[in-house]
C-alpha cells in the first residue's frame, strides 16, 4: 500500500484518475485488502462514457465508486 491510500472498512483505496483525450478526466481506483496472507486487488473503473472536467472531480468520483464497490462486496 502506498502512503496516499485511503482506508475504508478494512480495504485500501488508491485513486488513479487519469487525463484522457480532450483534456477530460477518467475516474479509476484500485481497491486492495489483505486476505489469507496475501494482498488481493481489484481495479474499479467508471463506465467509458464518464468523463469529467477536472482531476479533483474525477478523484472524488473514483473514491465514491470504490467505496460503493466495497459496500456491495463486503
PDB file of N, CA and C in Angstrom:
ATOM      1  N   UNK A   1       0.832  -1.177   0.000  1.00  0.00           N
ATOM      2  CA  UNK A   1       0.000   0.000   0.000  1.00  0.00           C
ATOM      3  C   UNK A   1       0.884   1.250   0.000  1.00  0.00           C
ATOM      4  N   UNK A   2       0.439   2.255  -0.684  1.00  0.00           N
ATOM      5  CA  UNK A   2       1.212   3.500  -0.706  1.00  0.00           C
ATOM      6  C   UNK A   2       0.740   4.403   0.429  1.00  0.00           C
ATOM      7  N   UNK A   3       1.525   5.420   0.718  1.00  0.00           N
ATOM      8  CA  UNK A   3       1.154   6.314   1.813  1.00  0.00           C
ATOM      9  C   UNK A   3      -0.040   7.192   1.461  1.00  0.00           C
ATOM     10  N   UNK A   4      -0.450   7.210   0.199  1.00  0.00           N
ATOM     11  CA  UNK A   4      -1.607   8.010  -0.200  1.00  0.00           C
ATOM     12  C   UNK A   4      -2.895   7.185  -0.243  1.00  0.00           C
ATOM     13  N   UNK A   5      -2.809   5.891   0.070  1.00  0.00           N
ATOM     14  CA  UNK A   5      -4.014   5.060   0.078  1.00  0.00           C
ATOM     15  C   UNK A   5      -4.977   5.543   1.154  1.00  0.00           C
ATOM     16  N   UNK A   6      -6.247   5.412   0.863  1.00  0.00           N
ATOM     17  CA  UNK A   6      -7.305   5.779   1.789  1.00  0.00           C
ATOM     18  C   UNK A   6      -7.882   4.492   2.345  1.00  0.00           C
ATOM     19  N   UNK A   7      -7.943   4.373   3.670  1.00  0.00           N
ATOM     20  CA  UNK A   7      -8.515   3.171   4.268  1.00  0.00           C
ATOM     21  C   UNK A   7     -10.024   3.342   4.415  1.00  0.00           C
ATOM     22  N   UNK A   8     -10.747   2.296   4.063  1.00  0.00           N
ATOM     23  CA  UNK A   8     -12.208   2.293   4.179  1.00  0.00           C
ATOM     24  C   UNK A   8     -12.656   0.867   4.454  1.00  0.00           C
ATOM     25  N   UNK A   9     -13.236   0.646   5.630  1.00  0.00           N
ATOM     26  CA  UNK A   9     -13.790  -0.653   6.017  1.00  0.00           C
ATOM     27  C   UNK A   9     -12.789  -1.806   5.823  1.00  0.00           C
ATOM     28  N   UNK A  10     -11.544  -1.574   6.208  1.00  0.00           N
ATOM     29  CA  UNK A  10     -10.525  -2.608   6.125  1.00  0.00           C
ATOM     30  C   UNK A  10      -9.895  -2.776   4.757  1.00  0.00           C
ATOM     31  N   UNK A  11     -10.337  -2.005   3.787  1.00  0.00           N
ATOM     32  CA  UNK A  11      -9.782  -2.013   2.440  1.00  0.00           C
ATOM     33  C   UNK A  11      -8.946  -0.746   2.255  1.00  0.00           C
ATOM     34  N   UNK A  12      -8.109  -0.758   1.245  1.00  0.00           N
ATOM     35  CA  UNK A  12      -7.320   0.422   0.915  1.00  0.00           C
ATOM     36  C   UNK A  12      -7.650   0.837  -0.510  1.00  0.00           C
ATOM     37  N   UNK A  13      -7.867   2.138  -0.689  1.00  0.00           N
ATOM     38  CA  UNK A  13      -8.247   2.679  -1.993  1.00  0.00           C
ATOM     39  C   UNK A  13      -7.118   3.569  -2.496  1.00  0.00           C
ATOM     40  N   UNK A  14      -6.660   3.286  -3.704  1.00  0.00           N
ATOM     41  CA  UNK A  14      -5.663   4.108  -4.380  1.00  0.00           C
ATOM     42  C   UNK A  14      -6.351   4.737  -5.588  1.00  0.00           C
ATOM     43  N   UNK A  15      -6.639   6.031  -5.492  1.00  0.00           N
ATOM     44  CA  UNK A  15      -7.304   6.751  -6.582  1.00  0.00           C
ATOM     45  C   UNK A  15      -6.285   6.981  -7.698  1.00  0.00           C
ATOM     46  N   UNK A  16      -6.652   6.596  -8.921  1.00  0.00           N
ATOM     47  CA  UNK A  16      -5.736   6.701 -10.061  1.00  0.00           C
ATOM     48  C   UNK A  16      -6.405   7.328 -11.284  1.00  0.00           C
ATOM     49  N   UNK A  17      -7.178   8.376 -11.073  1.00  0.00           N
ATOM     50  CA  UNK A  17      -7.816   9.061 -12.201  1.00  0.00           C
ATOM     51  C   UNK A  17      -6.749   9.519 -13.179  1.00  0.00           C
ATOM     52  N   UNK A  18      -7.105   9.558 -14.455  1.00  0.00           N
ATOM     53  CA  UNK A  18      -6.118   9.957 -15.456  1.00  0.00           C
ATOM     54  C   UNK A  18      -6.747  10.839 -16.520  1.00  0.00           C
ATOM     55  N   UNK A  19      -5.902  11.674 -17.118  1.00  0.00           N
ATOM     56  CA  UNK A  19      -6.356  12.576 -18.161  1.00  0.00           C
ATOM     57  C   UNK A  19      -6.467  11.821 -19.475  1.00  0.00           C
ATOM     58  N   UNK A  20      -7.581  11.993 -20.121  1.00  0.00           N
ATOM     59  CA  UNK A  20      -7.863  11.313 -21.378  1.00  0.00           C
ATOM     60  C   UNK A  20      -7.735  12.312 -22.521  1.00  0.00           C
ATOM     61  N   UNK A  21      -8.027  11.865 -23.716  1.00  0.00           N
ATOM     62  CA  UNK A  21      -8.035  12.765 -24.868  1.00  0.00           C
ATOM     63  C   UNK A  21      -9.013  13.912 -24.624  1.00  0.00           C
ATOM     64  N   UNK A  22      -8.676  15.060 -25.096  1.00  0.00           N
ATOM     65  CA  UNK A  22      -9.585  16.195 -24.992  1.00  0.00           C
ATOM     66  C   UNK A  22      -9.583  16.867 -23.636  1.00  0.00           C
ATOM     67  N   UNK A  23      -8.559  16.626 -22.833  1.00  0.00           N
ATOM     68  CA  UNK A  23      -8.416  17.283 -21.521  1.00  0.00           C
ATOM     69  C   UNK A  23      -9.544  16.943 -20.551  1.00  0.00           C
ATOM     70  N   UNK A  24     -10.144  15.791 -20.708  1.00  0.00           N
ATOM     71  CA  UNK A  24     -11.172  15.327 -19.773  1.00  0.00           C
ATOM     72  C   UNK A  24     -10.548  14.239 -18.910  1.00  0.00           C
ATOM     73  N   UNK A  25     -11.142  13.972 -17.766  1.00  0.00           N
ATOM     74  CA  UNK A  25     -10.573  13.034 -16.793  1.00  0.00           C
ATOM     75  C   UNK A  25     -11.436  11.791 -16.638  1.00  0.00           C
ATOM     76  N   UNK A  26     -10.778  10.636 -16.565  1.00  0.00           N
ATOM     77  CA  UNK A  26     -11.445   9.345 -16.378  1.00  0.00           C
ATOM     78  C   UNK A  26     -11.220   8.860 -14.955  1.00  0.00           C
ATOM     79  N   UNK A  27     -12.310   8.565 -14.225  1.00  0.00           N
ATOM     80  CA  UNK A  27     -12.187   8.052 -12.863  1.00  0.00           C
ATOM     81  C   UNK A  27     -11.731   6.589 -12.857  1.00  0.00           C
ATOM     82  N   UNK A  28     -10.806   6.300 -11.945  1.00  0.00           N
ATOM     83  CA  UNK A  28     -10.297   4.936 -11.796  1.00  0.00           C
ATOM     84  C   UNK A  28      -9.722   4.805 -10.393  1.00  0.00           C
ATOM     85  N   UNK A  29      -9.864   3.626  -9.794  1.00  0.00           N
ATOM     86  CA  UNK A  29      -9.287   3.370  -8.475  1.00  0.00           C
ATOM     87  C   UNK A  29      -8.902   1.900  -8.376  1.00  0.00           C
ATOM     88  N   UNK A  30      -7.949   1.622  -7.498  1.00  0.00           N
ATOM     89  CA  UNK A  30      -7.571   0.248  -7.181  1.00  0.00           C
ATOM     90  C   UNK A  30      -7.935   0.016  -5.718  1.00  0.00           C
ATOM     91  N   UNK A  31      -8.698  -1.041  -5.473  1.00  0.00           N
ATOM     92  CA  UNK A  31      -9.106  -1.418  -4.122  1.00  0.00           C
ATOM     93  C   UNK A  31      -8.280  -2.632  -3.716  1.00  0.00           C
ATOM     94  N   UNK A  32      -7.665  -2.573  -2.531  1.00  0.00           N
ATOM     95  CA  UNK A  32      -6.833  -3.671  -2.043  1.00  0.00           C
ATOM     96  C   UNK A  32      -7.253  -4.071  -0.639  1.00  0.00           C
ATOM     97  N   UNK A  33      -7.060  -5.357  -0.327  1.00  0.00           N
ATOM     98  CA  UNK A  33      -7.309  -5.863   1.013  1.00  0.00           C
ATOM     99  C   UNK A  33      -6.353  -7.028   1.261  1.00  0.00           C
ATOM    100  N   UNK A  34      -5.894  -7.126   2.505  1.00  0.00           N
ATOM    101  CA  UNK A  34      -5.087  -8.282   2.902  1.00  0.00           C
ATOM    102  C   UNK A  34      -6.035  -9.413   3.259  1.00  0.00           C
ATOM    103  N   UNK A  35      -5.874 -10.563   2.603  1.00  0.00           N
ATOM    104  CA  UNK A  35      -6.691 -11.746   2.897  1.00  0.00           C
ATOM    105  C   UNK A  35      -5.814 -12.977   2.814  1.00  0.00           C
ATOM    106  N   UNK A  36      -5.858 -13.794   3.846  1.00  0.00           N
ATOM    107  CA  UNK A  36      -5.117 -15.038   3.819  1.00  0.00           C
ATOM    108  C   UNK A  36      -3.627 -14.858   3.589  1.00  0.00           C
ATOM    109  N   UNK A  37      -3.050 -13.789   4.127  1.00  0.00           N
ATOM    110  CA  UNK A  37      -1.624 -13.547   3.997  1.00  0.00           C
ATOM    111  C   UNK A  37      -1.187 -12.949   2.674  1.00  0.00           C
ATOM    112  N   UNK A  38      -2.119 -12.610   1.825  1.00  0.00           N
ATOM    113  CA  UNK A  38      -1.790 -12.024   0.520  1.00  0.00           C
ATOM    114  C   UNK A  38      -2.635 -10.780   0.278  1.00  0.00           C
ATOM    115  N   UNK A  39      -2.154  -9.944  -0.608  1.00  0.00           N
ATOM    116  CA  UNK A  39      -2.915  -8.749  -0.982  1.00  0.00           C
ATOM    117  C   UNK A  39      -3.765  -9.083  -2.199  1.00  0.00           C
ATOM    118  N   UNK A  40      -5.062  -8.840  -2.082  1.00  0.00           N
ATOM    119  CA  UNK A  40      -5.998  -9.014  -3.190  1.00  0.00           C
ATOM    120  C   UNK A  40      -6.326  -7.616  -3.716  1.00  0.00           C
ATOM    121  N   UNK A  41      -6.284  -7.436  -5.025  1.00  0.00           N
ATOM    122  CA  UNK A  41      -6.593  -6.122  -5.596  1.00  0.00           C
ATOM    123  C   UNK A  41      -7.703  -6.227  -6.631  1.00  0.00           C
ATOM    124  N   UNK A  42      -8.406  -5.112  -6.786  1.00  0.00           N
ATOM    125  CA  UNK A  42      -9.487  -5.045  -7.761  1.00  0.00           C
ATOM    126  C   UNK A  42      -9.466  -3.658  -8.397  1.00  0.00           C
ATOM    127  N   UNK A  43      -9.424  -3.617  -9.712  1.00  0.00           N
ATOM    128  CA  UNK A  43      -9.496  -2.361 -10.442  1.00  0.00           C
ATOM    129  C   UNK A  43     -10.962  -1.970 -10.577  1.00  0.00           C
ATOM    130  N   UNK A  44     -11.268  -0.737 -10.188  1.00  0.00           N
ATOM    131  CA  UNK A  44     -12.641  -0.231 -10.289  1.00  0.00           C
ATOM    132  C   UNK A  44     -12.601   0.987 -11.206  1.00  0.00           C
ATOM    133  N   UNK A  45     -13.228   0.864 -12.371  1.00  0.00           N
ATOM    134  CA  UNK A  45     -13.239   1.950 -13.351  1.00  0.00           C
ATOM    135  C   UNK A  45     -14.660   2.403 -13.629  1.00  0.00           C
ATOM    136  N   UNK A  46     -14.790   3.668 -13.950  1.00  0.00           N
ATOM    137  CA  UNK A  46     -16.092   4.210 -14.337  1.00  0.00           C
ATOM    138  C   UNK A  46     -16.431   3.727 -15.749  1.00  0.00           C
ATOM    139  N   UNK A  47     -17.710   3.723 -16.096  1.00  0.00           N
ATOM    140  CA  UNK A  47     -18.088   3.394 -17.478  1.00  0.00           C
ATOM    141  C   UNK A  47     -17.377   4.333 -18.459  1.00  0.00           C
ATOM    142  N   UNK A  48     -17.123   3.844 -19.653  1.00  0.00           N
ATOM    143  CA  UNK A  48     -16.341   4.613 -20.638  1.00  0.00           C
ATOM    144  C   UNK A  48     -16.943   5.981 -20.966  1.00  0.00           C
ATOM    145  N   UNK A  49     -18.247   6.120 -20.825  1.00  0.00           N
ATOM    146  CA  UNK A  49     -18.860   7.403 -21.162  1.00  0.00           C
ATOM    147  C   UNK A  49     -18.689   8.462 -20.061  1.00  0.00           C
ATOM    148  N   UNK A  50     -18.155   8.058 -18.893  1.00  0.00           N
ATOM    149  CA  UNK A  50     -17.966   9.009 -17.801  1.00  0.00           C
ATOM    150  C   UNK A  50     -16.624   9.715 -17.982  1.00  0.00           C
ATOM    151  N   UNK A  51     -16.701  10.979 -18.327  1.00  0.00           N
ATOM    152  CA  UNK A  51     -15.533  11.852 -18.464  1.00  0.00           C
ATOM    153  C   UNK A  51     -15.836  13.121 -17.687  1.00  0.00           C
ATOM    154  N   UNK A  52     -14.909  13.530 -16.852  1.00  0.00           N
ATOM    155  CA  UNK A  52     -15.151  14.695 -16.002  1.00  0.00           C
ATOM    156  C   UNK A  52     -14.207  15.836 -16.354  1.00  0.00           C
ATOM    157  N   UNK A  53     -14.581  17.042 -15.953  1.00  0.00           N
ATOM    158  CA  UNK A  53     -13.873  18.254 -16.350  1.00  0.00           C
ATOM    159  C   UNK A  53     -12.570  18.504 -15.607  1.00  0.00           C
ATOM    160  N   UNK A  54     -12.400  17.895 -14.419  1.00  0.00           N
ATOM    161  CA  UNK A  54     -11.194  18.176 -13.642  1.00  0.00           C
ATOM    162  C   UNK A  54     -10.695  16.916 -12.937  1.00  0.00           C
ATOM    163  N   UNK A  55      -9.436  16.958 -12.552  1.00  0.00           N
ATOM    164  CA  UNK A  55      -8.845  15.850 -11.805  1.00  0.00           C
ATOM    165  C   UNK A  55      -9.527  15.696 -10.451  1.00  0.00           C
ATOM    166  N   UNK A  56      -9.824  16.811  -9.810  1.00  0.00           N
ATOM    167  CA  UNK A  56     -10.487  16.762  -8.495  1.00  0.00           C
ATOM    168  C   UNK A  56     -11.846  16.079  -8.618  1.00  0.00           C
ATOM    169  N   UNK A  57     -12.621  16.427  -9.633  1.00  0.00           N
ATOM    170  CA  UNK A  57     -13.931  15.807  -9.839  1.00  0.00           C
ATOM    171  C   UNK A  57     -13.781  14.308 -10.103  1.00  0.00           C
ATOM    172  N   UNK A  58     -12.797  13.935 -10.908  1.00  0.00           N
ATOM    173  CA  UNK A  58     -12.571  12.518 -11.216  1.00  0.00           C
ATOM    174  C   UNK A  58     -12.119  11.755  -9.977  1.00  0.00           C
ATOM    175  N   UNK A  59     -11.258  12.356  -9.164  1.00  0.00           N
ATOM    176  CA  UNK A  59     -10.808  11.695  -7.934  1.00  0.00           C
ATOM    177  C   UNK A  59     -11.964  11.514  -6.956  1.00  0.00           C
ATOM    178  N   UNK A  60     -12.818  12.525  -6.832  1.00  0.00           N
ATOM    179  CA  UNK A  60     -13.985  12.429  -5.955  1.00  0.00           C
ATOM    180  C   UNK A  60     -14.916  11.315  -6.425  1.00  0.00           C
ATOM    181  N   UNK A  61     -15.153  11.244  -7.720  1.00  0.00           N
ATOM    182  CA  UNK A  61     -15.994  10.196  -8.309  1.00  0.00           C
ATOM    183  C   UNK A  61     -15.357   8.826  -8.074  1.00  0.00           C
ATOM    184  N   UNK A  62     -14.035   8.722  -8.277  1.00  0.00           N
ATOM    185  CA  UNK A  62     -13.322   7.458  -8.094  1.00  0.00           C
ATOM    186  C   UNK A  62     -13.441   6.947  -6.666  1.00  0.00           C
ATOM    187  N   UNK A  63     -13.276   7.839  -5.703  1.00  0.00           N
ATOM    188  CA  UNK A  63     -13.366   7.449  -4.300  1.00  0.00           C
ATOM    189  C   UNK A  63     -14.770   6.955  -3.967  1.00  0.00           C
ATOM    190  N   UNK A  64     -15.788   7.665  -4.419  1.00  0.00           N
ATOM    191  CA  UNK A  64     -17.175   7.242  -4.171  1.00  0.00           C
ATOM    192  C   UNK A  64     -17.463   5.899  -4.836  1.00  0.00           C
ATOM    193  N   UNK A  65     -16.961   5.719  -6.041  1.00  0.00           N
ATOM    194  CA  UNK A  65     -17.156   4.482  -6.792  1.00  0.00           C
ATOM    195  C   UNK A  65     -16.484   3.306  -6.062  1.00  0.00           C
ATOM    196  N   UNK A  66     -15.272   3.509  -5.566  1.00  0.00           N
ATOM    197  CA  UNK A  66     -14.550   2.460  -4.846  1.00  0.00           C
ATOM    198  C   UNK A  66     -15.250   2.113  -3.531  1.00  0.00           C
ATOM    199  N   UNK A  67     -15.717   3.117  -2.806  1.00  0.00           N
ATOM    200  CA  UNK A  67     -16.450   2.867  -1.548  1.00  0.00           C
ATOM    201  C   UNK A  67     -17.726   2.089  -1.814  1.00  0.00           C
ATOM    202  N   UNK A  68     -18.434   2.409  -2.882  1.00  0.00           N
ATOM    203  CA  UNK A  68     -19.653   1.673  -3.219  1.00  0.00           C
ATOM    204  C   UNK A  68     -19.313   0.228  -3.554  1.00  0.00           C
ATOM    205  N   UNK A  69     -18.226  -0.004  -4.287  1.00  0.00           N
ATOM    206  CA  UNK A  69     -17.824  -1.364  -4.627  1.00  0.00           C
ATOM    207  C   UNK A  69     -17.533  -2.150  -3.333  1.00  0.00           C
ATOM    208  N   UNK A  70     -16.826  -1.522  -2.402  1.00  0.00           N
ATOM    209  CA  UNK A  70     -16.527  -2.182  -1.124  1.00  0.00           C
ATOM    210  C   UNK A  70     -17.815  -2.492  -0.376  1.00  0.00           C
ATOM    211  N   UNK A  71     -18.726  -1.529  -0.294  1.00  0.00           N
ATOM    212  CA  UNK A  71     -20.000  -1.739   0.395  1.00  0.00           C
ATOM    213  C   UNK A  71     -20.786  -2.880  -0.237  1.00  0.00           C
ATOM    214  N   UNK A  72     -20.770  -2.977  -1.555  1.00  0.00           N
ATOM    215  CA  UNK A  72     -21.525  -4.002  -2.267  1.00  0.00           C
ATOM    216  C   UNK A  72     -20.888  -5.386  -2.158  1.00  0.00           C
ATOM    217  N   UNK A  73     -19.579  -5.455  -1.835  1.00  0.00           N
ATOM    218  CA  UNK A  73     -18.869  -6.727  -1.827  1.00  0.00           C
ATOM    219  C   UNK A  73     -18.352  -7.121  -0.443  1.00  0.00           C
ATOM    220  N   UNK A  74     -18.818  -6.468   0.584  1.00  0.00           N
ATOM    221  CA  UNK A  74     -18.376  -6.815   1.948  1.00  0.00           C
ATOM    222  C   UNK A  74     -19.401  -7.640   2.666  1.00  0.00           C
TER     223      UNK A  74
END
